[in-house]
């Protein structure tokens, strides 16, 4: 494994970690960076390159677990305060209700998504569509949302956000962009919607990642091990930084600045791809 290859792993881990939980689409950015610049598919071979992207996603998931460990552990009864279970009306059922729509639709459409929606051109359209939803959320969401903590989220709101999350199955749309927008439109403030997004992402992403790793286990090679390790660590570290920064930022600037960034990126890509 040459140094230049490990630098590629570091870069892809950086892209994954910095964009996975910001509403800009990590999948879209990875497709852009890899397909248009690094081209690790040729270096790692097609299926192994796909598995690498799953491995670095696991690094990002680990960062969420570190940041939200108290809340996550409380959902399964593993965290206690002064000998008592954490007192919260937000429970595992909220997460399951929010997950179900995307899990069902994602399972049904997985092959179609992988084959038909994973190119740069489809990402461009998804960036624009996601931006429109984010701008609409900031414009039409309630000015003084009543749901300002996770403990005030209802099952109906959790399910509604889960339905909106299905849009993120389109690469480039952004899971966090879809779910935060959905939460804001249906009565949550931005920070609560972001917290719910990150917590709900853990079982969804972990389940999908582990299934993919097991399914593609034969494509893993010890020759590529250092590449995977560097990418995983890079994604973990930069996701940890990104999550903490974003949670502080989203309450102040909301979603429109991220939507503008997405529109600019889509315009630049459209010029490169279509002209």
C-alpha atoms as a PDB file:
ATOM      1  CA  UNK A   1       0.000   0.000   0.000  1.00  0.00           C
ATOM      2  CA  UNK A   2       1.617   3.253  -1.147  1.00  0.00           C
ATOM      3  CA  UNK A   3       1.480   6.552   0.738  1.00  0.00           C
ATOM      4  CA  UNK A   4      -0.604   8.176  -2.011  1.00  0.00           C
ATOM      5  CA  UNK A   5      -3.257   5.487  -1.546  1.00  0.00           C
ATOM      6  CA  UNK A   6      -3.434   6.123   2.204  1.00  0.00           C
ATOM      7  CA  UNK A   7      -3.822   9.838   1.473  1.00  0.00           C
ATOM      8  CA  UNK A   8      -6.814   8.942  -0.711  1.00  0.00           C
ATOM      9  CA  UNK A   9      -8.312   7.001   2.205  1.00  0.00           C
ATOM     10  CA  UNK A  10      -7.703   9.987   4.491  1.00  0.00           C
ATOM     11  CA  UNK A  11      -9.422  12.342   2.032  1.00  0.00           C
ATOM     12  CA  UNK A  12     -12.450  10.091   1.587  1.00  0.00           C
ATOM     13  CA  UNK A  13     -12.721   9.668   5.353  1.00  0.00           C
ATOM     14  CA  UNK A  14     -12.580  13.444   5.714  1.00  0.00           C
ATOM     15  CA  UNK A  15     -15.352  13.907   3.131  1.00  0.00           C
ATOM     16  CA  UNK A  16     -17.529  11.243   4.775  1.00  0.00           C
ATOM     17  CA  UNK A  17     -16.979  12.536   8.298  1.00  0.00           C
ATOM     18  CA  UNK A  18     -17.537  16.214   7.518  1.00  0.00           C
ATOM     19  CA  UNK A  19     -20.631  15.700   5.365  1.00  0.00           C
ATOM     20  CA  UNK A  20     -22.468  12.658   6.779  1.00  0.00           C
ATOM     21  CA  UNK A  21     -24.453  14.628   9.351  1.00  0.00           C
ATOM     22  CA  UNK A  22     -24.523  18.063   7.744  1.00  0.00           C
ATOM     23  CA  UNK A  23     -27.495  18.574   5.386  1.00  0.00           C
ATOM     24  CA  UNK A  24     -25.314  18.541   2.278  1.00  0.00           C
ATOM     25  CA  UNK A  25     -25.281  14.782   1.435  1.00  0.00           C
ATOM     26  CA  UNK A  26     -22.236  12.668   2.223  1.00  0.00           C
ATOM     27  CA  UNK A  27     -23.154  10.145  -0.472  1.00  0.00           C
ATOM     28  CA  UNK A  28     -23.317  12.891  -3.061  1.00  0.00           C
ATOM     29  CA  UNK A  29     -19.969  14.317  -2.003  1.00  0.00           C
ATOM     30  CA  UNK A  30     -18.321  10.882  -1.994  1.00  0.00           C
ATOM     31  CA  UNK A  31     -19.642  10.185  -5.488  1.00  0.00           C
ATOM     32  CA  UNK A  32     -18.354  13.556  -6.664  1.00  0.00           C
ATOM     33  CA  UNK A  33     -14.910  13.267  -5.047  1.00  0.00           C
ATOM     34  CA  UNK A  34     -14.386   9.624  -5.946  1.00  0.00           C
ATOM     35  CA  UNK A  35     -15.921   9.454  -9.414  1.00  0.00           C
ATOM     36  CA  UNK A  36     -14.547  12.788 -10.597  1.00  0.00           C
ATOM     37  CA  UNK A  37     -11.149  12.797  -8.886  1.00  0.00           C
ATOM     38  CA  UNK A  38      -9.778   9.900  -6.822  1.00  0.00           C
ATOM     39  CA  UNK A  39     -11.370   6.982  -8.693  1.00  0.00           C
ATOM     40  CA  UNK A  40     -10.781   4.397  -5.961  1.00  0.00           C
ATOM     41  CA  UNK A  41     -13.144   2.039  -7.764  1.00  0.00           C
ATOM     42  CA  UNK A  42     -10.320   1.158 -10.161  1.00  0.00           C
ATOM     43  CA  UNK A  43      -7.781   1.010  -7.337  1.00  0.00           C
ATOM     44  CA  UNK A  44      -9.815  -1.211  -5.004  1.00  0.00           C
ATOM     45  CA  UNK A  45     -11.928  -3.034  -7.616  1.00  0.00           C
ATOM     46  CA  UNK A  46     -15.647  -2.327  -7.919  1.00  0.00           C
ATOM     47  CA  UNK A  47     -17.165  -4.262  -4.993  1.00  0.00           C
ATOM     48  CA  UNK A  48     -14.254  -3.638  -2.607  1.00  0.00           C
ATOM     49  CA  UNK A  49     -14.585   0.103  -3.234  1.00  0.00           C
ATOM     50  CA  UNK A  50     -18.262  -0.119  -2.264  1.00  0.00           C
ATOM     51  CA  UNK A  51     -17.325  -1.982   0.925  1.00  0.00           C
ATOM     52  CA  UNK A  52     -14.753   0.689   1.783  1.00  0.00           C
ATOM     53  CA  UNK A  53     -17.445   3.351   1.692  1.00  0.00           C
ATOM     54  CA  UNK A  54     -19.501   1.254   4.097  1.00  0.00           C
ATOM     55  CA  UNK A  55     -16.505   0.911   6.436  1.00  0.00           C
ATOM     56  CA  UNK A  56     -15.911   4.669   6.629  1.00  0.00           C
ATOM     57  CA  UNK A  57     -19.627   5.187   7.229  1.00  0.00           C
ATOM     58  CA  UNK A  58     -19.245   2.996  10.314  1.00  0.00           C
ATOM     59  CA  UNK A  59     -16.588   5.451  11.498  1.00  0.00           C
ATOM     60  CA  UNK A  60     -19.130   8.268  11.277  1.00  0.00           C
ATOM     61  CA  UNK A  61     -21.710   6.195  13.157  1.00  0.00           C
ATOM     62  CA  UNK A  62     -19.246   5.596  15.982  1.00  0.00           C
ATOM     63  CA  UNK A  63     -18.860   9.377  16.329  1.00  0.00           C
ATOM     64  CA  UNK A  64     -22.636   9.746  16.821  1.00  0.00           C
ATOM     65  CA  UNK A  65     -22.580   7.052  19.486  1.00  0.00           C
ATOM     66  CA  UNK A  66     -19.828   8.947  21.330  1.00  0.00           C
ATOM     67  CA  UNK A  67     -21.706  12.265  21.206  1.00  0.00           C
ATOM     68  CA  UNK A  68     -25.144  10.859  22.101  1.00  0.00           C
ATOM     69  CA  UNK A  69     -24.109   7.891  24.243  1.00  0.00           C
ATOM     70  CA  UNK A  70     -26.216   8.866  27.259  1.00  0.00           C
ATOM     71  CA  UNK A  71     -29.416   9.211  25.242  1.00  0.00           C
ATOM     72  CA  UNK A  72     -28.710   6.108  23.138  1.00  0.00           C
ATOM     73  CA  UNK A  73     -27.896   3.963  26.151  1.00  0.00           C
ATOM     74  CA  UNK A  74     -31.000   5.211  27.944  1.00  0.00           C
ATOM     75  CA  UNK A  75     -33.173   3.975  25.060  1.00  0.00           C
ATOM     76  CA  UNK A  76     -32.174   0.394  25.838  1.00  0.00           C
ATOM     77  CA  UNK A  77     -32.120   0.832  29.620  1.00  0.00           C
ATOM     78  CA  UNK A  78     -28.334   0.853  29.983  1.00  0.00           C
ATOM     79  CA  UNK A  79     -27.855   4.368  31.325  1.00  0.00           C
ATOM     80  CA  UNK A  80     -28.885   5.418  34.812  1.00  0.00           C
ATOM     81  CA  UNK A  81     -28.649   8.621  36.832  1.00  0.00           C
ATOM     82  CA  UNK A  82     -28.168   8.182  40.585  1.00  0.00           C
ATOM     83  CA  UNK A  83     -29.209   4.559  40.336  1.00  0.00           C
ATOM     84  CA  UNK A  84     -32.363   5.337  38.365  1.00  0.00           C
ATOM     85  CA  UNK A  85     -33.095   4.936  34.682  1.00  0.00           C
ATOM     86  CA  UNK A  86     -32.879   8.190  32.796  1.00  0.00           C
ATOM     87  CA  UNK A  87     -36.303   9.835  33.093  1.00  0.00           C
ATOM     88  CA  UNK A  88     -37.492  10.492  29.558  1.00  0.00           C
ATOM     89  CA  UNK A  89     -40.708  10.210  27.575  1.00  0.00           C
ATOM     90  CA  UNK A  90     -38.590   9.810  24.434  1.00  0.00           C
ATOM     91  CA  UNK A  91     -38.063   6.092  23.964  1.00  0.00           C
ATOM     92  CA  UNK A  92     -36.999   3.385  21.571  1.00  0.00           C
ATOM     93  CA  UNK A  93     -40.475   3.241  20.024  1.00  0.00           C
ATOM     94  CA  UNK A  94     -40.042   6.789  18.680  1.00  0.00           C
ATOM     95  CA  UNK A  95     -36.861   5.705  16.910  1.00  0.00           C
ATOM     96  CA  UNK A  96     -38.442   2.548  15.500  1.00  0.00           C
ATOM     97  CA  UNK A  97     -41.500   4.440  14.240  1.00  0.00           C
ATOM     98  CA  UNK A  98     -39.219   6.983  12.570  1.00  0.00           C
ATOM     99  CA  UNK A  99     -37.036   4.296  10.993  1.00  0.00           C
ATOM    100  CA  UNK A 100     -39.700   2.042   9.524  1.00  0.00           C
ATOM    101  CA  UNK A 101     -40.666   3.933   6.332  1.00  0.00           C
ATOM    102  CA  UNK A 102     -37.093   4.314   5.085  1.00  0.00           C
ATOM    103  CA  UNK A 103     -36.162   0.755   6.062  1.00  0.00           C
ATOM    104  CA  UNK A 104     -39.106  -0.734   4.174  1.00  0.00           C
ATOM    105  CA  UNK A 105     -38.790   1.446   1.077  1.00  0.00           C
ATOM    106  CA  UNK A 106     -35.000   1.263   1.098  1.00  0.00           C
ATOM    107  CA  UNK A 107     -35.081  -2.535   1.183  1.00  0.00           C
ATOM    108  CA  UNK A 108     -37.621  -2.649  -1.643  1.00  0.00           C
ATOM    109  CA  UNK A 109     -35.737  -0.212  -3.880  1.00  0.00           C
ATOM    110  CA  UNK A 110     -32.123  -0.985  -2.960  1.00  0.00           C
ATOM    111  CA  UNK A 111     -31.100  -2.484  -6.313  1.00  0.00           C
ATOM    112  CA  UNK A 112     -32.776   0.317  -8.259  1.00  0.00           C
ATOM    113  CA  UNK A 113     -31.073   2.964  -6.127  1.00  0.00           C
ATOM    114  CA  UNK A 114     -27.630   1.342  -6.459  1.00  0.00           C
ATOM    115  CA  UNK A 115     -27.923   0.889 -10.214  1.00  0.00           C
ATOM    116  CA  UNK A 116     -29.894   3.927 -11.358  1.00  0.00           C
ATOM    117  CA  UNK A 117     -29.365   6.746  -8.850  1.00  0.00           C
ATOM    118  CA  UNK A 118     -25.662   6.635  -7.995  1.00  0.00           C
ATOM    119  CA  UNK A 119     -24.198   8.830 -10.716  1.00  0.00           C
ATOM    120  CA  UNK A 120     -23.094  12.454 -10.648  1.00  0.00           C
ATOM    121  CA  UNK A 121     -26.007  13.598 -12.826  1.00  0.00           C
ATOM    122  CA  UNK A 122     -28.664  12.219 -10.473  1.00  0.00           C
ATOM    123  CA  UNK A 123     -26.794  13.731  -7.510  1.00  0.00           C
ATOM    124  CA  UNK A 124     -27.047  17.180  -9.129  1.00  0.00           C
ATOM    125  CA  UNK A 125     -30.845  16.971  -9.293  1.00  0.00           C
ATOM    126  CA  UNK A 126     -31.009  15.608  -5.747  1.00  0.00           C
ATOM    127  CA  UNK A 127     -28.916  18.509  -4.444  1.00  0.00           C
ATOM    128  CA  UNK A 128     -31.395  20.962  -5.958  1.00  0.00           C
ATOM    129  CA  UNK A 129     -34.489  19.077  -4.761  1.00  0.00           C
ATOM    130  CA  UNK A 130     -33.112  18.819  -1.226  1.00  0.00           C
ATOM    131  CA  UNK A 131     -32.299  22.525  -1.210  1.00  0.00           C
ATOM    132  CA  UNK A 132     -35.885  23.396  -2.111  1.00  0.00           C
ATOM    133  CA  UNK A 133     -37.182  21.300   0.798  1.00  0.00           C
ATOM    134  CA  UNK A 134     -34.726  22.917   3.230  1.00  0.00           C
ATOM    135  CA  UNK A 135     -35.660  26.437   2.155  1.00  0.00           C
ATOM    136  CA  UNK A 136     -39.347  25.533   2.442  1.00  0.00           C
ATOM    137  CA  UNK A 137     -38.779  24.220   5.965  1.00  0.00           C
ATOM    138  CA  UNK A 138     -37.197  27.490   7.116  1.00  0.00           C
ATOM    139  CA  UNK A 139     -39.879  29.557   5.398  1.00  0.00           C
ATOM    140  CA  UNK A 140     -43.012  27.612   6.336  1.00  0.00           C
ATOM    141  CA  UNK A 141     -42.045  25.960   9.620  1.00  0.00           C
ATOM    142  CA  UNK A 142     -43.656  27.456  12.771  1.00  0.00           C
ATOM    143  CA  UNK A 143     -41.923  30.565  14.119  1.00  0.00           C
ATOM    144  CA  UNK A 144     -42.131  29.374  17.725  1.00  0.00           C
ATOM    145  CA  UNK A 145     -42.092  25.574  17.584  1.00  0.00           C
ATOM    146  CA  UNK A 146     -43.532  23.857  20.640  1.00  0.00           C
ATOM    147  CA  UNK A 147     -41.301  20.805  20.344  1.00  0.00           C
ATOM    148  CA  UNK A 148     -37.991  22.087  21.685  1.00  0.00           C
ATOM    149  CA  UNK A 149     -36.678  18.876  23.258  1.00  0.00           C
ATOM    150  CA  UNK A 150     -36.664  15.208  22.271  1.00  0.00           C
ATOM    151  CA  UNK A 151     -39.056  14.448  25.131  1.00  0.00           C
ATOM    152  CA  UNK A 152     -41.826  16.428  23.423  1.00  0.00           C
ATOM    153  CA  UNK A 153     -41.731  14.490  20.147  1.00  0.00           C
ATOM    154  CA  UNK A 154     -44.935  12.547  19.481  1.00  0.00           C
ATOM    155  CA  UNK A 155     -45.160   9.203  17.700  1.00  0.00           C
ATOM    156  CA  UNK A 156     -47.052  10.896  14.883  1.00  0.00           C
ATOM    157  CA  UNK A 157     -44.237  13.418  14.402  1.00  0.00           C
ATOM    158  CA  UNK A 158     -41.643  10.640  14.512  1.00  0.00           C
ATOM    159  CA  UNK A 159     -43.502   8.722  11.792  1.00  0.00           C
ATOM    160  CA  UNK A 160     -43.986  11.838   9.662  1.00  0.00           C
ATOM    161  CA  UNK A 161     -40.280  12.638   9.834  1.00  0.00           C
ATOM    162  CA  UNK A 162     -39.637   9.004   8.905  1.00  0.00           C
ATOM    163  CA  UNK A 163     -41.748   9.406   5.784  1.00  0.00           C
ATOM    164  CA  UNK A 164     -39.800  12.516   4.759  1.00  0.00           C
ATOM    165  CA  UNK A 165     -36.570  10.618   5.427  1.00  0.00           C
ATOM    166  CA  UNK A 166     -37.447   8.316   2.515  1.00  0.00           C
ATOM    167  CA  UNK A 167     -36.441  11.147   0.183  1.00  0.00           C
ATOM    168  CA  UNK A 168     -32.860  10.687   1.374  1.00  0.00           C
ATOM    169  CA  UNK A 169     -32.717   7.289  -0.315  1.00  0.00           C
ATOM    170  CA  UNK A 170     -32.042   9.356  -3.443  1.00  0.00           C
ATOM    171  CA  UNK A 171     -28.237   9.863  -3.313  1.00  0.00           C
ATOM    172  CA  UNK A 172     -27.468  13.551  -2.988  1.00  0.00           C
ATOM    173  CA  UNK A 173     -30.704  14.462  -1.206  1.00  0.00           C
ATOM    174  CA  UNK A 174     -29.192  14.103   2.307  1.00  0.00           C
ATOM    175  CA  UNK A 175     -30.600  12.131   5.212  1.00  0.00           C
ATOM    176  CA  UNK A 176     -30.080  14.932   7.723  1.00  0.00           C
ATOM    177  CA  UNK A 177     -31.378  17.538   5.281  1.00  0.00           C
ATOM    178  CA  UNK A 178     -34.578  15.557   4.740  1.00  0.00           C
ATOM    179  CA  UNK A 179     -35.229  14.652   8.378  1.00  0.00           C
ATOM    180  CA  UNK A 180     -34.334  18.026   9.878  1.00  0.00           C
ATOM    181  CA  UNK A 181     -36.541  19.721   7.286  1.00  0.00           C
ATOM    182  CA  UNK A 182     -39.352  17.294   8.033  1.00  0.00           C
ATOM    183  CA  UNK A 183     -38.999  17.871  11.753  1.00  0.00           C
ATOM    184  CA  UNK A 184     -39.047  21.661  11.369  1.00  0.00           C
ATOM    185  CA  UNK A 185     -42.063  21.586   9.045  1.00  0.00           C
ATOM    186  CA  UNK A 186     -43.995  19.477  11.546  1.00  0.00           C
ATOM    187  CA  UNK A 187     -43.356  21.433  14.717  1.00  0.00           C
ATOM    188  CA  UNK A 188     -39.809  20.818  16.003  1.00  0.00           C
ATOM    189  CA  UNK A 189     -37.138  23.433  16.473  1.00  0.00           C
ATOM    190  CA  UNK A 190     -33.939  22.955  14.486  1.00  0.00           C
ATOM    191  CA  UNK A 191     -31.839  21.548  17.338  1.00  0.00           C
ATOM    192  CA  UNK A 192     -34.451  18.976  18.350  1.00  0.00           C
ATOM    193  CA  UNK A 193     -34.920  17.899  14.736  1.00  0.00           C
ATOM    194  CA  UNK A 194     -31.144  17.534  14.414  1.00  0.00           C
ATOM    195  CA  UNK A 195     -30.878  15.506  17.643  1.00  0.00           C
ATOM    196  CA  UNK A 196     -33.662  13.181  16.476  1.00  0.00           C
ATOM    197  CA  UNK A 197     -31.987  12.868  13.077  1.00  0.00           C
ATOM    198  CA  UNK A 198     -28.654  11.811  14.535  1.00  0.00           C
ATOM    199  CA  UNK A 199     -30.124   9.358  17.042  1.00  0.00           C
ATOM    200  CA  UNK A 200     -32.374   7.779  14.410  1.00  0.00           C
ATOM    201  CA  UNK A 201     -29.422   7.493  12.026  1.00  0.00           C
ATOM    202  CA  UNK A 202     -27.476   5.137  14.312  1.00  0.00           C
ATOM    203  CA  UNK A 203     -29.613   1.963  13.973  1.00  0.00           C
ATOM    204  CA  UNK A 204     -30.462   2.675  10.330  1.00  0.00           C
ATOM    205  CA  UNK A 205     -26.878   3.269   9.224  1.00  0.00           C
ATOM    206  CA  UNK A 206     -25.395   0.592  11.447  1.00  0.00           C
ATOM    207  CA  UNK A 207     -27.877  -2.022  10.269  1.00  0.00           C
ATOM    208  CA  UNK A 208     -27.436  -1.153   6.596  1.00  0.00           C
ATOM    209  CA  UNK A 209     -23.647  -0.999   6.954  1.00  0.00           C
ATOM    210  CA  UNK A 210     -23.305  -4.319   8.767  1.00  0.00           C
ATOM    211  CA  UNK A 211     -25.580  -6.081   6.268  1.00  0.00           C
ATOM    212  CA  UNK A 212     -23.499  -4.685   3.408  1.00  0.00           C
ATOM    213  CA  UNK A 213     -20.194  -5.649   5.031  1.00  0.00           C
ATOM    214  CA  UNK A 214     -21.410  -9.215   5.659  1.00  0.00           C
ATOM    215  CA  UNK A 215     -22.819  -9.470   2.142  1.00  0.00           C
ATOM    216  CA  UNK A 216     -19.564  -8.236   0.601  1.00  0.00           C
ATOM    217  CA  UNK A 217     -17.188  -9.882   3.086  1.00  0.00           C
ATOM    218  CA  UNK A 218     -15.534 -11.920   0.318  1.00  0.00           C
ATOM    219  CA  UNK A 219     -14.445  -8.689  -1.371  1.00  0.00           C
ATOM    220  CA  UNK A 220     -12.357  -7.616   1.626  1.00  0.00           C
ATOM    221  CA  UNK A 221      -8.626  -8.112   1.206  1.00  0.00           C
ATOM    222  CA  UNK A 222      -5.848  -7.999   3.787  1.00  0.00           C
ATOM    223  CA  UNK A 223      -3.835  -6.064   1.218  1.00  0.00           C
ATOM    224  CA  UNK A 224      -6.345  -3.217   1.582  1.00  0.00           C
ATOM    225  CA  UNK A 225      -6.553  -3.360   5.402  1.00  0.00           C
ATOM    226  CA  UNK A 226      -4.445  -0.237   6.013  1.00  0.00           C
ATOM    227  CA  UNK A 227      -6.606   1.641   3.495  1.00  0.00           C
ATOM    228  CA  UNK A 228      -9.769   0.689   5.425  1.00  0.00           C
ATOM    229  CA  UNK A 229      -8.241   1.553   8.802  1.00  0.00           C
ATOM    230  CA  UNK A 230      -7.063   5.017   7.718  1.00  0.00           C
ATOM    231  CA  UNK A 231     -10.447   5.776   6.159  1.00  0.00           C
ATOM    232  CA  UNK A 232     -12.342   4.560   9.230  1.00  0.00           C
ATOM    233  CA  UNK A 233     -10.261   6.606  11.683  1.00  0.00           C
ATOM    234  CA  UNK A 234     -10.390   9.682   9.451  1.00  0.00           C
ATOM    235  CA  UNK A 235     -14.195   9.471   9.135  1.00  0.00           C
ATOM    236  CA  UNK A 236     -14.587   8.987  12.900  1.00  0.00           C
ATOM    237  CA  UNK A 237     -12.406  11.958  13.869  1.00  0.00           C
ATOM    238  CA  UNK A 238     -13.867  14.380  11.353  1.00  0.00           C
ATOM    239  CA  UNK A 239     -17.456  13.256  12.037  1.00  0.00           C
ATOM    240  CA  UNK A 240     -16.874  13.909  15.740  1.00  0.00           C
ATOM    241  CA  UNK A 241     -15.762  17.456  14.908  1.00  0.00           C
ATOM    242  CA  UNK A 242     -18.565  17.984  12.388  1.00  0.00           C
ATOM    243  CA  UNK A 243     -21.386  16.809  14.671  1.00  0.00           C
ATOM    244  CA  UNK A 244     -20.411  19.034  17.578  1.00  0.00           C
ATOM    245  CA  UNK A 245     -19.940  22.030  15.283  1.00  0.00           C
ATOM    246  CA  UNK A 246     -23.185  21.455  13.387  1.00  0.00           C
ATOM    247  CA  UNK A 247     -25.326  21.083  16.510  1.00  0.00           C
ATOM    248  CA  UNK A 248     -24.132  24.497  17.681  1.00  0.00           C
ATOM    249  CA  UNK A 249     -24.512  26.045  14.238  1.00  0.00           C
ATOM    250  CA  UNK A 250     -27.937  24.775  13.145  1.00  0.00           C
ATOM    251  CA  UNK A 251     -29.838  26.599  15.896  1.00  0.00           C
ATOM    252  CA  UNK A 252     -28.289  29.907  14.798  1.00  0.00           C
ATOM    253  CA  UNK A 253     -28.147  29.789  11.008  1.00  0.00           C
ATOM    254  CA  UNK A 254     -30.856  27.148  10.352  1.00  0.00           C
ATOM    255  CA  UNK A 255     -31.014  25.473   6.928  1.00  0.00           C
ATOM    256  CA  UNK A 256     -30.948  28.158   4.231  1.00  0.00           C
ATOM    257  CA  UNK A 257     -27.131  28.650   4.195  1.00  0.00           C
ATOM    258  CA  UNK A 258     -26.670  24.923   3.635  1.00  0.00           C
ATOM    259  CA  UNK A 259     -29.301  25.012   0.884  1.00  0.00           C
ATOM    260  CA  UNK A 260     -27.433  27.839  -0.843  1.00  0.00           C
ATOM    261  CA  UNK A 261     -24.189  25.853  -0.671  1.00  0.00           C
ATOM    262  CA  UNK A 262     -25.955  22.884  -2.248  1.00  0.00           C
ATOM    263  CA  UNK A 263     -27.363  25.030  -5.063  1.00  0.00           C
ATOM    264  CA  UNK A 264     -23.952  26.517  -5.815  1.00  0.00           C
ATOM    265  CA  UNK A 265     -22.387  23.042  -5.820  1.00  0.00           C
ATOM    266  CA  UNK A 266     -25.128  21.745  -8.114  1.00  0.00           C
ATOM    267  CA  UNK A 267     -24.577  24.662 -10.505  1.00  0.00           C
ATOM    268  CA  UNK A 268     -20.821  24.046 -10.649  1.00  0.00           C
ATOM    269  CA  UNK A 269     -21.332  20.344 -11.250  1.00  0.00           C
ATOM    270  CA  UNK A 270     -23.940  21.004 -13.922  1.00  0.00           C
ATOM    271  CA  UNK A 271     -21.474  23.212 -15.788  1.00  0.00           C
ATOM    272  CA  UNK A 272     -18.802  20.510 -15.592  1.00  0.00           C
ATOM    273  CA  UNK A 273     -21.063  17.602 -16.524  1.00  0.00           C
ATOM    274  CA  UNK A 274     -23.518  19.072 -19.028  1.00  0.00           C
ATOM    275  CA  UNK A 275     -21.433  21.692 -20.837  1.00  0.00           C
END
